[in-house]
Amino acid sequence: MAKSGAALDPQVGDKVLVTTKDNSEEGIMIPSPDKNVILIKLKSGYNIGFEKKLVTKVKVVEKAAEQSSVGVLVEKLSAKKSTLPTITILHTGGTIASKVDYRTGGVVAGFEPAELIALFPELAGLAHIESELIAKMWSDDLRFEHFGLIAKAIEKQVKKGVRGIIIGMGTDNLAVAAAALSFIVENPPIPIILVGSQRSSDRGSSDAAMNIVCATKFILGSDYAGVALCMHESEEDTSCVVLPAGKTYKLHSSRRDAFKAVNTSAIARVEYSTGLVSMVSTHYPKRGSSLMIIRPKMEEKVGLLKIHINMFPEQFKAFEGFKGLVIEGTGLGHTPGQVPNDICAIHKKFYPILTKLIKSGCVVVMTTQCIFGGVNMNVYDKGRDLLELGVVPGEDMLANTALVKLSWLLANYDKKDAVKLIRENLHGEISEKISYDAKYVSF
């Protein structure tokens, strides 16, 4: 290691002490988009820049090449891993296993067990970690076919006898993926927990380590079996909540506690420091001998249309030829269609297009764009109009949950059964009694 004050040329990746007339800051030198600015990443995870003309000295504290190797760290941390239960982490990309490579300035992902333990050292003392890369992508790159790949990997790991499975994924469609897998993987005998990270692993404010550690502790400390999510309960690093696959919504674009259960409660709470698992729900699938069934088929031609003001007939016509359509309607489940005044004359074209879609064999399901509550299409005449056309109420299903459920039903059942089952609660996606708990939604 370079001695403090050594006369070395600072390079990207080095730990440096930058001194100006007014103060000094220590951090990792990272690439700067401005040649006149020195940019470093502080221990807190945040970046700070210094105009070169104001810098009096840059001292190399530690050269990048001399920092501890992953191999040495893992060897120390994993000495007793063979005696621990096995948990497999399946990767699909996202920030959960990513960090900044300060030599290039880019975010890189580590998917090998050794790299994961180096990122999250606490895992080595909890379980023997295995890993498999499914696909490296953003979660908004997901297609129905990807769920089949993930399900096949789940099936392989279950046959190996692992204690549980963690699926790392980007957060944007984390809840949607969980909903899809809850239908595709029926009666799993172990917990399958989806985990994401709102902030990259190199940042001091990252939620990656706590989310994945809490998911591990939940797998080891509960009798739960099924698909769920595990994310921060609050902005504080105190606990995570385990959330139901078909009833979870990402309610904030960047907060660490962005994920909340909708119209129901969380499944469990995991205290980060103690590992204490407290079951919040009293009704949940438990580990047992139920036969797992994998049915990965998904109907490709299923779409989602969000209702908004100033719509045009072409937006409905775009789904001609589709097998299914989920409408994210307003309020209790409405679309334009009536003509209360001359300005709304274009709306008279909407019902005939919907009728044509339904008569062509397309199953049209109504959900609400409201976060809480469900549809009730018998309250207003607009809703009754849509029911008469053949639109199927989606109860209190989240729109994206209805999308993946309808796709799965149409691929695995005939149309008549799919229409019947879309309104039935198969895996917790429809609430028998809608509840609202403010402690799970306030920011």
Protein backbone atom coordinates (compact mmCIF):
# COMPACT_ATOMS: atom_id res chain seq x y z
CA MET A 1 0.00 0.00 0.00
CA ALA A 2 1.25 3.45 -0.84
CA LYS A 3 2.32 5.48 2.16
CA SER A 4 0.39 8.61 2.95
CA GLY A 5 1.97 11.51 1.14
CA ALA A 6 3.83 9.35 -1.40
CA ALA A 7 4.69 11.22 -4.60
CA LEU A 8 2.46 9.19 -6.90
CA ASP A 9 0.45 10.33 -9.89
CA PRO A 10 -3.27 10.07 -8.97
CA GLN A 11 -5.27 7.91 -11.35
CA VAL A 12 -8.94 7.01 -11.66
CA GLY A 13 -9.68 4.34 -9.05
CA ASP A 14 -7.13 5.60 -6.52
CA LYS A 15 -8.15 6.71 -3.06
CA VAL A 16 -6.99 10.32 -2.84
CA LEU A 17 -6.98 13.29 -0.46
CA VAL A 18 -7.92 16.48 -2.31
CA THR A 19 -6.89 19.71 -0.56
CA THR A 20 -8.07 23.22 -1.36
CA LYS A 21 -7.45 26.49 0.43
CA ASP A 22 -10.62 25.98 2.48
CA ASN A 23 -10.88 22.23 3.16
CA SER A 24 -9.82 18.64 2.37
CA GLU A 25 -11.88 15.63 1.25
CA GLU A 26 -10.91 11.99 0.87
CA GLY A 27 -12.49 9.65 -1.66
CA ILE A 28 -12.09 7.51 -4.75
CA MET A 29 -11.11 9.40 -7.89
CA ILE A 30 -13.66 8.79 -10.63
CA PRO A 31 -13.80 9.94 -14.28
CA SER A 32 -14.82 13.57 -14.66
CA PRO A 33 -16.86 14.83 -17.61
CA ASP A 34 -15.06 18.18 -17.27
CA LYS A 35 -11.28 18.22 -17.74
CA ASN A 36 -11.06 21.23 -15.42
CA VAL A 37 -12.73 19.40 -12.51
CA ILE A 38 -11.40 16.65 -10.21
CA LEU A 39 -14.24 14.34 -9.24
CA ILE A 40 -14.16 11.96 -6.26
CA LYS A 41 -16.66 9.61 -4.63
CA LEU A 42 -16.91 10.09 -0.88
CA LYS A 43 -17.27 7.28 1.66
CA SER A 44 -20.95 8.27 1.96
CA GLY A 45 -21.45 7.24 -1.65
CA TYR A 46 -21.95 10.75 -2.99
CA ASN A 47 -19.74 12.53 -5.53
CA ILE A 48 -18.03 15.88 -5.08
CA GLY A 49 -16.15 17.96 -7.64
CA PHE A 50 -13.25 20.41 -7.25
CA GLU A 51 -12.18 23.00 -9.80
CA LYS A 52 -8.53 22.24 -10.54
CA LYS A 53 -7.57 25.91 -10.24
CA LEU A 54 -8.71 25.86 -6.60
CA VAL A 55 -6.91 22.60 -5.69
CA THR A 56 -3.61 22.99 -3.89
CA LYS A 57 -2.73 19.31 -3.54
CA VAL A 58 -3.93 15.82 -4.53
CA LYS A 59 -2.34 13.10 -2.39
CA VAL A 60 -2.65 9.38 -3.22
CA VAL A 61 -3.71 7.50 -0.09
CA GLU A 62 -4.14 4.08 -1.70
CA LYS A 63 -3.55 2.85 -5.23
CA ALA A 64 -6.47 1.04 -6.86
CA ALA A 65 -4.37 -2.00 -7.75
CA GLU A 66 -3.37 -2.48 -4.12
CA GLN A 67 -6.88 -2.75 -2.70
CA SER A 68 -7.99 -6.11 -1.26
CA SER A 69 -8.79 -8.77 -3.85
CA VAL A 70 -12.19 -10.45 -3.98
CA GLY A 71 -10.64 -13.89 -3.75
CA VAL A 72 -8.84 -13.23 -0.46
CA LEU A 73 -11.93 -11.67 1.11
CA VAL A 74 -14.19 -14.52 0.06
CA GLU A 75 -11.76 -17.15 1.28
CA LYS A 76 -11.89 -15.62 4.75
CA LEU A 77 -15.65 -15.13 4.80
CA SER A 78 -16.66 -18.51 3.35
CA ALA A 79 -14.58 -20.92 5.42
CA LYS A 80 -17.67 -22.52 7.02
CA LYS A 81 -20.11 -22.22 4.10
CA SER A 82 -20.38 -25.98 3.57
CA THR A 83 -22.24 -26.38 6.88
CA LEU A 84 -24.82 -23.70 6.06
CA PRO A 85 -28.14 -24.06 4.21
CA THR A 86 -28.00 -23.28 0.49
CA ILE A 87 -29.72 -20.27 -1.01
CA THR A 88 -29.55 -19.63 -4.74
CA ILE A 89 -29.58 -16.13 -6.17
CA LEU A 90 -30.93 -15.87 -9.72
CA HIS A 91 -29.91 -12.73 -11.57
CA THR A 92 -31.76 -10.83 -14.24
CA GLY A 93 -29.80 -7.59 -14.01
CA GLY A 94 -30.64 -4.42 -12.13
CA THR A 95 -28.54 -2.67 -9.51
CA ILE A 96 -28.84 -5.35 -6.82
CA ALA A 97 -25.49 -6.93 -7.74
CA SER A 98 -23.88 -3.89 -9.35
CA LYS A 99 -21.19 -1.47 -8.35
CA VAL A 100 -19.14 1.26 -9.99
CA ASP A 101 -15.87 0.27 -11.63
CA TYR A 102 -13.85 3.36 -10.83
CA ARG A 103 -11.26 2.54 -13.49
CA THR A 104 -13.89 3.00 -16.22
CA GLY A 105 -16.60 4.98 -14.46
CA GLY A 106 -19.24 2.47 -15.57
CA VAL A 107 -21.57 0.32 -13.50
CA VAL A 108 -20.61 -3.35 -13.64
CA ALA A 109 -22.45 -6.37 -12.31
CA GLY A 110 -20.98 -9.24 -10.32
CA PHE A 111 -22.89 -12.50 -10.57
CA GLU A 112 -20.48 -15.11 -9.23
CA PRO A 113 -20.90 -16.26 -5.59
CA ALA A 114 -17.49 -14.85 -4.72
CA GLU A 115 -18.38 -11.45 -6.14
CA LEU A 116 -21.71 -11.42 -4.32
CA ILE A 117 -20.12 -12.20 -0.98
CA ALA A 118 -17.58 -9.47 -1.60
CA LEU A 119 -20.46 -7.05 -2.20
CA PHE A 120 -22.54 -8.39 0.71
CA PRO A 121 -20.10 -9.95 3.24
CA GLU A 122 -22.87 -10.69 5.78
CA LEU A 123 -24.27 -13.37 3.46
CA ALA A 124 -21.25 -15.60 4.07
CA GLY A 125 -22.20 -16.11 7.70
CA LEU A 126 -25.85 -16.85 6.93
CA ALA A 127 -25.94 -19.30 4.04
CA HIS A 128 -24.01 -21.08 1.36
CA ILE A 129 -24.66 -18.88 -1.65
CA GLU A 130 -24.98 -20.20 -5.18
CA SER A 131 -25.91 -18.08 -8.16
CA GLU A 132 -27.04 -18.26 -11.75
CA LEU A 133 -27.33 -15.57 -14.40
CA ILE A 134 -30.67 -15.75 -16.24
CA ALA A 135 -30.34 -12.59 -18.31
CA LYS A 136 -28.63 -9.25 -17.91
CA MET A 137 -31.12 -6.49 -18.64
CA TRP A 138 -33.22 -3.66 -17.32
CA SER A 139 -36.54 -4.80 -15.88
CA ASP A 140 -38.41 -2.76 -18.50
CA ASP A 141 -36.84 -5.09 -21.09
CA LEU A 142 -38.89 -7.97 -19.66
CA ARG A 143 -41.05 -9.97 -22.04
CA PHE A 144 -43.44 -12.80 -21.23
CA GLU A 145 -40.90 -15.33 -22.51
CA HIS A 146 -38.40 -14.29 -19.83
CA PHE A 147 -40.73 -15.60 -17.13
CA GLY A 148 -40.43 -19.06 -18.63
CA LEU A 149 -36.63 -18.88 -18.38
CA ILE A 150 -36.85 -17.81 -14.75
CA ALA A 151 -39.40 -20.54 -13.97
CA LYS A 152 -37.15 -23.19 -15.51
CA ALA A 153 -34.25 -22.01 -13.31
CA ILE A 154 -36.53 -22.09 -10.25
CA GLU A 155 -37.57 -25.66 -11.06
CA LYS A 156 -33.92 -26.73 -11.33
CA GLN A 157 -33.03 -25.18 -7.98
CA VAL A 158 -36.05 -26.69 -6.21
CA LYS A 159 -35.01 -30.15 -7.46
CA LYS A 160 -31.53 -29.53 -6.02
CA GLY A 161 -33.10 -29.06 -2.60
CA VAL A 162 -32.08 -25.46 -1.89
CA ARG A 163 -33.57 -23.77 1.17
CA GLY A 164 -34.83 -20.81 -0.83
CA ILE A 165 -34.38 -18.71 -3.94
CA ILE A 166 -33.70 -14.99 -4.26
CA ILE A 167 -34.32 -13.33 -7.63
CA GLY A 168 -32.41 -10.11 -8.21
CA MET A 169 -34.10 -7.73 -10.62
CA GLY A 170 -34.46 -4.06 -11.50
CA THR A 171 -37.16 -2.36 -9.45
CA ASP A 172 -39.25 -0.80 -12.22
CA ASN A 173 -41.05 -4.07 -12.99
CA LEU A 174 -40.08 -6.04 -9.90
CA ALA A 175 -43.68 -6.27 -8.65
CA VAL A 176 -45.01 -7.19 -12.10
CA ALA A 177 -42.49 -10.03 -12.40
CA ALA A 178 -43.45 -11.29 -8.95
CA ALA A 179 -47.11 -11.33 -9.96
CA ALA A 180 -46.36 -13.27 -13.15
CA LEU A 181 -44.25 -15.87 -11.31
CA SER A 182 -46.97 -16.34 -8.69
CA PHE A 183 -49.20 -17.76 -11.44
CA ILE A 184 -46.53 -19.64 -13.39
CA VAL A 185 -44.98 -21.38 -10.36
CA GLU A 186 -47.85 -23.05 -8.49
CA ASN A 187 -47.39 -24.56 -5.03
CA PRO A 188 -43.65 -23.90 -4.65
CA PRO A 189 -42.32 -25.80 -1.59
CA ILE A 190 -39.81 -23.07 -0.71
CA PRO A 191 -39.76 -19.26 -0.56
CA ILE A 192 -39.00 -17.48 -3.84
CA ILE A 193 -38.21 -13.87 -2.96
CA LEU A 194 -37.72 -11.08 -5.50
CA VAL A 195 -35.33 -8.36 -4.39
CA GLY A 196 -34.27 -5.11 -6.00
CA SER A 197 -32.30 -2.03 -5.14
CA GLN A 198 -33.39 1.57 -5.58
CA ARG A 199 -29.79 2.83 -5.23
CA SER A 200 -26.63 1.24 -6.57
CA SER A 201 -24.51 -0.91 -4.29
CA ASP A 202 -21.53 1.45 -4.25
CA ARG A 203 -23.52 4.30 -2.66
CA GLY A 204 -23.54 4.83 1.05
CA SER A 205 -27.33 5.17 0.89
CA SER A 206 -27.79 1.94 -1.06
CA ASP A 207 -30.58 -0.42 -0.02
CA ALA A 208 -29.07 -3.37 -1.88
CA ALA A 209 -27.25 -5.06 1.00
CA MET A 210 -30.06 -4.73 3.53
CA ASN A 211 -32.73 -5.96 1.10
CA ILE A 212 -30.82 -9.06 0.08
CA VAL A 213 -29.68 -9.84 3.64
CA CYS A 214 -33.23 -9.45 4.98
CA ALA A 215 -34.54 -11.71 2.21
CA THR A 216 -31.96 -14.30 3.26
CA LYS A 217 -32.93 -14.01 6.92
CA PHE A 218 -36.61 -14.35 6.01
CA ILE A 219 -35.93 -17.53 4.04
CA LEU A 220 -34.00 -18.99 6.96
CA GLY A 221 -36.31 -17.75 9.73
CA SER A 222 -39.84 -18.45 8.47
CA ASP A 223 -42.04 -21.31 7.30
CA TYR A 224 -43.25 -19.33 4.29
CA ALA A 225 -43.36 -20.97 0.86
CA GLY A 226 -44.34 -18.97 -2.20
CA VAL A 227 -43.45 -15.97 -4.33
CA ALA A 228 -43.01 -12.61 -2.59
CA LEU A 229 -40.90 -9.43 -2.59
CA CYS A 230 -38.54 -8.10 0.07
CA MET A 231 -37.75 -4.38 0.21
CA HIS A 232 -37.13 -1.56 2.71
CA GLU A 233 -40.03 -0.81 5.05
CA SER A 234 -38.97 2.82 5.58
CA GLU A 235 -36.15 5.16 4.62
CA GLU A 236 -34.31 4.02 7.76
CA ASP A 237 -32.02 0.98 7.71
CA THR A 238 -33.98 -0.84 10.39
CA SER A 239 -36.34 -3.32 8.72
CA CYS A 240 -37.62 -4.77 5.48
CA VAL A 241 -41.12 -5.96 4.67
CA VAL A 242 -41.99 -9.08 2.74
CA LEU A 243 -44.78 -8.17 0.33
CA PRO A 244 -47.40 -10.25 -1.55
CA ALA A 245 -46.56 -10.95 -5.19
CA GLY A 246 -49.85 -9.95 -6.82
CA LYS A 247 -50.76 -7.03 -4.56
CA THR A 248 -47.63 -4.87 -4.49
CA TYR A 249 -47.09 -1.54 -6.23
CA LYS A 250 -44.03 0.64 -6.68
CA LEU A 251 -45.37 3.95 -5.38
CA HIS A 252 -42.23 6.09 -5.57
CA SER A 253 -39.59 6.43 -8.26
CA SER A 254 -36.54 6.66 -6.01
CA ARG A 255 -37.28 6.21 -2.29
CA ARG A 256 -35.94 3.05 -0.70
CA ASP A 257 -39.36 2.27 0.78
CA ALA A 258 -41.13 2.67 -2.57
CA PHE A 259 -42.90 -0.70 -2.52
CA LYS A 260 -46.20 -1.06 -0.68
CA ALA A 261 -48.91 -3.69 -0.41
CA VAL A 262 -52.23 -2.53 -1.90
CA ASN A 263 -55.65 -3.42 -0.41
CA THR A 264 -53.91 -5.87 1.93
CA SER A 265 -51.08 -6.07 4.46
CA ALA A 266 -47.46 -7.09 4.22
CA ILE A 267 -46.66 -10.77 4.76
CA ALA A 268 -43.88 -10.23 7.27
CA ARG A 269 -41.37 -7.82 8.75
CA VAL A 270 -37.66 -8.59 9.06
CA GLU A 271 -35.52 -6.67 11.57
CA TYR A 272 -32.18 -6.07 9.93
CA SER A 273 -29.95 -5.96 13.03
CA THR A 274 -31.44 -8.95 14.87
CA GLY A 275 -32.81 -11.00 11.98
CA LEU A 276 -36.13 -11.31 13.83
CA VAL A 277 -38.93 -12.34 11.47
CA SER A 278 -42.44 -11.27 12.49
CA MET A 279 -45.31 -12.60 10.40
CA VAL A 280 -47.83 -9.81 9.78
CA SER A 281 -50.26 -11.96 7.82
CA THR A 282 -51.85 -15.01 9.41
CA HIS A 283 -52.83 -16.58 6.09
CA TYR A 284 -49.92 -17.49 3.87
CA PRO A 285 -48.62 -20.61 2.06
CA LYS A 286 -46.32 -22.72 4.22
CA ARG A 287 -43.52 -25.12 3.46
CA GLY A 288 -44.90 -28.57 2.82
CA SER A 289 -45.17 -31.46 0.44
CA SER A 290 -47.50 -29.87 -2.13
CA LEU A 291 -46.59 -30.79 -5.68
CA MET A 292 -45.05 -27.82 -7.49
CA ILE A 293 -46.44 -27.23 -10.97
CA ILE A 294 -44.64 -25.06 -13.54
CA ARG A 295 -46.87 -23.70 -16.29
CA PRO A 296 -44.77 -21.11 -18.12
CA LYS A 297 -46.94 -20.52 -21.19
CA MET A 298 -48.06 -16.92 -21.69
CA GLU A 299 -50.29 -15.57 -24.46
CA GLU A 300 -48.24 -12.93 -26.29
CA LYS A 301 -51.10 -10.90 -27.72
CA VAL A 302 -52.39 -9.35 -24.51
CA GLY A 303 -52.24 -5.60 -23.98
CA LEU A 304 -52.87 -2.85 -21.44
CA LEU A 305 -54.62 0.46 -22.18
CA LYS A 306 -54.71 3.34 -19.71
CA ILE A 307 -57.77 5.57 -19.99
CA HIS A 308 -57.13 9.31 -19.99
CA ILE A 309 -58.84 12.48 -21.15
CA ASN A 310 -58.90 13.41 -24.85
CA MET A 311 -58.66 9.86 -26.18
CA PHE A 312 -59.04 8.83 -29.83
CA PRO A 313 -60.62 5.77 -31.48
CA GLU A 314 -57.24 4.72 -32.88
CA GLN A 315 -56.03 3.96 -29.37
CA PHE A 316 -58.68 1.27 -28.97
CA LYS A 317 -58.30 0.02 -32.55
CA ALA A 318 -54.59 -0.64 -31.92
CA PHE A 319 -55.61 -3.82 -30.10
CA GLU A 320 -57.48 -5.41 -33.00
CA GLY A 321 -56.20 -8.97 -33.36
CA PHE A 322 -55.28 -9.24 -29.68
CA LYS A 323 -56.47 -12.18 -27.57
CA GLY A 324 -56.80 -10.09 -24.41
CA LEU A 325 -56.90 -6.47 -23.29
CA VAL A 326 -56.75 -5.02 -19.79
CA ILE A 327 -58.22 -1.53 -19.50
CA GLU A 328 -56.93 0.65 -16.68
CA GLY A 329 -60.13 2.63 -16.35
CA THR A 330 -61.03 5.67 -14.31
CA GLY A 331 -62.71 5.47 -10.92
CA LEU A 332 -64.91 2.42 -10.50
CA GLY A 333 -64.08 1.17 -13.99
CA HIS A 334 -65.04 3.61 -16.75
CA THR A 335 -64.04 4.71 -20.25
CA PRO A 336 -65.28 7.45 -22.54
CA GLY A 337 -68.21 6.31 -24.68
CA GLN A 338 -71.19 8.53 -24.00
CA VAL A 339 -71.82 11.88 -25.75
CA PRO A 340 -73.05 14.41 -23.17
CA ASN A 341 -72.27 17.38 -25.47
CA ASP A 342 -71.08 18.16 -28.99
CA ILE A 343 -67.42 18.38 -28.03
CA CYS A 344 -67.59 14.70 -27.00
CA ALA A 345 -69.00 13.56 -30.35
CA ILE A 346 -65.88 11.49 -31.10
CA HIS A 347 -66.67 9.31 -28.07
CA LYS A 348 -69.58 7.67 -29.88
CA LYS A 349 -67.00 5.66 -31.84
CA PHE A 350 -65.52 4.00 -28.75
CA TYR A 351 -68.23 1.53 -27.78
CA PRO A 352 -68.56 0.10 -31.32
CA ILE A 353 -64.79 -0.53 -31.40
CA LEU A 354 -64.89 -2.27 -28.02
CA THR A 355 -67.86 -4.34 -29.20
CA LYS A 356 -65.93 -5.36 -32.32
CA LEU A 357 -62.91 -6.34 -30.20
CA ILE A 358 -64.99 -8.49 -27.87
CA LYS A 359 -66.92 -10.15 -30.69
CA SER A 360 -63.61 -11.02 -32.37
CA GLY A 361 -62.72 -13.15 -29.33
CA CYS A 362 -60.66 -10.64 -27.37
CA VAL A 363 -61.22 -10.88 -23.59
CA VAL A 364 -61.47 -7.32 -22.24
CA VAL A 365 -60.92 -6.88 -18.49
CA MET A 366 -61.57 -3.68 -16.55
CA THR A 367 -59.32 -2.50 -13.69
CA THR A 368 -59.00 0.87 -12.01
CA GLN A 369 -56.13 3.31 -12.30
CA CYS A 370 -56.78 4.27 -8.68
CA ILE A 371 -54.15 2.66 -6.46
CA PHE A 372 -56.56 1.58 -3.73
CA GLY A 373 -60.02 0.10 -4.04
CA GLY A 374 -61.45 -1.90 -6.93
CA VAL A 375 -63.92 -1.67 -9.78
CA ASN A 376 -67.69 -1.71 -9.35
CA MET A 377 -69.30 -1.38 -12.75
CA ASN A 378 -72.88 -1.47 -11.47
CA VAL A 379 -72.81 1.93 -9.76
CA TYR A 380 -72.91 4.28 -12.77
CA ASP A 381 -74.56 3.90 -16.17
CA LYS A 382 -71.15 4.09 -17.87
CA GLY A 383 -70.07 0.96 -16.02
CA ARG A 384 -73.33 -0.80 -16.85
CA ASP A 385 -72.87 0.13 -20.53
CA LEU A 386 -69.46 -1.57 -20.53
CA LEU A 387 -70.81 -4.66 -18.78
CA GLU A 388 -73.47 -4.97 -21.49
CA LEU A 389 -70.74 -4.81 -24.13
CA GLY A 390 -69.05 -7.79 -22.47
CA VAL A 391 -66.26 -6.12 -20.51
CA VAL A 392 -65.22 -8.32 -17.56
CA PRO A 393 -64.73 -6.66 -14.13
CA GLY A 394 -61.22 -7.18 -12.74
CA GLU A 395 -62.26 -6.74 -9.09
CA ASP A 396 -59.42 -5.03 -7.16
CA MET A 397 -56.56 -6.45 -9.20
CA LEU A 398 -53.73 -4.09 -10.00
CA ALA A 399 -53.68 -3.43 -13.75
CA ASN A 400 -50.28 -5.06 -14.31
CA THR A 401 -51.28 -8.07 -12.23
CA ALA A 402 -54.42 -8.42 -14.38
CA LEU A 403 -52.22 -8.18 -17.49
CA VAL A 404 -49.95 -11.09 -16.56
CA LYS A 405 -52.82 -13.13 -15.12
CA LEU A 406 -54.91 -12.75 -18.28
CA SER A 407 -51.92 -13.66 -20.44
CA TRP A 408 -51.28 -16.77 -18.34
CA LEU A 409 -54.94 -17.82 -18.28
CA LEU A 410 -55.38 -17.47 -22.03
CA ALA A 411 -52.29 -19.59 -22.65
CA ASN A 412 -53.28 -22.39 -20.25
CA TYR A 413 -57.11 -22.50 -20.34
CA ASP A 414 -59.82 -22.20 -22.94
CA LYS A 415 -61.45 -18.80 -23.30
CA LYS A 416 -64.57 -19.68 -21.27
CA ASP A 417 -62.54 -20.84 -18.27
CA ALA A 418 -60.17 -17.86 -18.59
CA VAL A 419 -63.11 -15.44 -18.37
CA LYS A 420 -64.37 -17.26 -15.27
CA LEU A 421 -60.98 -17.52 -13.56
CA ILE A 422 -59.94 -13.91 -14.17
CA ARG A 423 -62.50 -12.92 -11.49
CA GLU A 424 -61.42 -15.60 -9.01
CA ASN A 425 -58.69 -15.24 -6.43
CA LEU A 426 -56.07 -17.80 -7.42
CA HIS A 427 -52.91 -16.67 -5.62
CA GLY A 428 -53.87 -13.69 -3.47
CA GLU A 429 -54.24 -11.24 -6.37
CA ILE A 430 -57.87 -10.42 -5.48
CA SER A 431 -58.80 -9.30 -1.98
CA GLU A 432 -61.81 -10.89 -0.31
CA LYS A 433 -62.00 -7.84 1.91
CA ILE A 434 -60.31 -4.61 0.92
CA SER A 435 -58.29 -3.00 3.70
CA TYR A 436 -56.33 0.23 3.90
CA ASP A 437 -53.48 0.57 6.36
CA ALA A 438 -51.94 4.04 6.31
CA LYS A 439 -48.73 2.88 7.98
CA TYR A 440 -47.82 1.00 4.80
CA VAL A 441 -48.45 3.86 2.39
CA SER A 442 -47.38 7.13 4.03
CA PHE A 443 -44.12 8.70 2.91
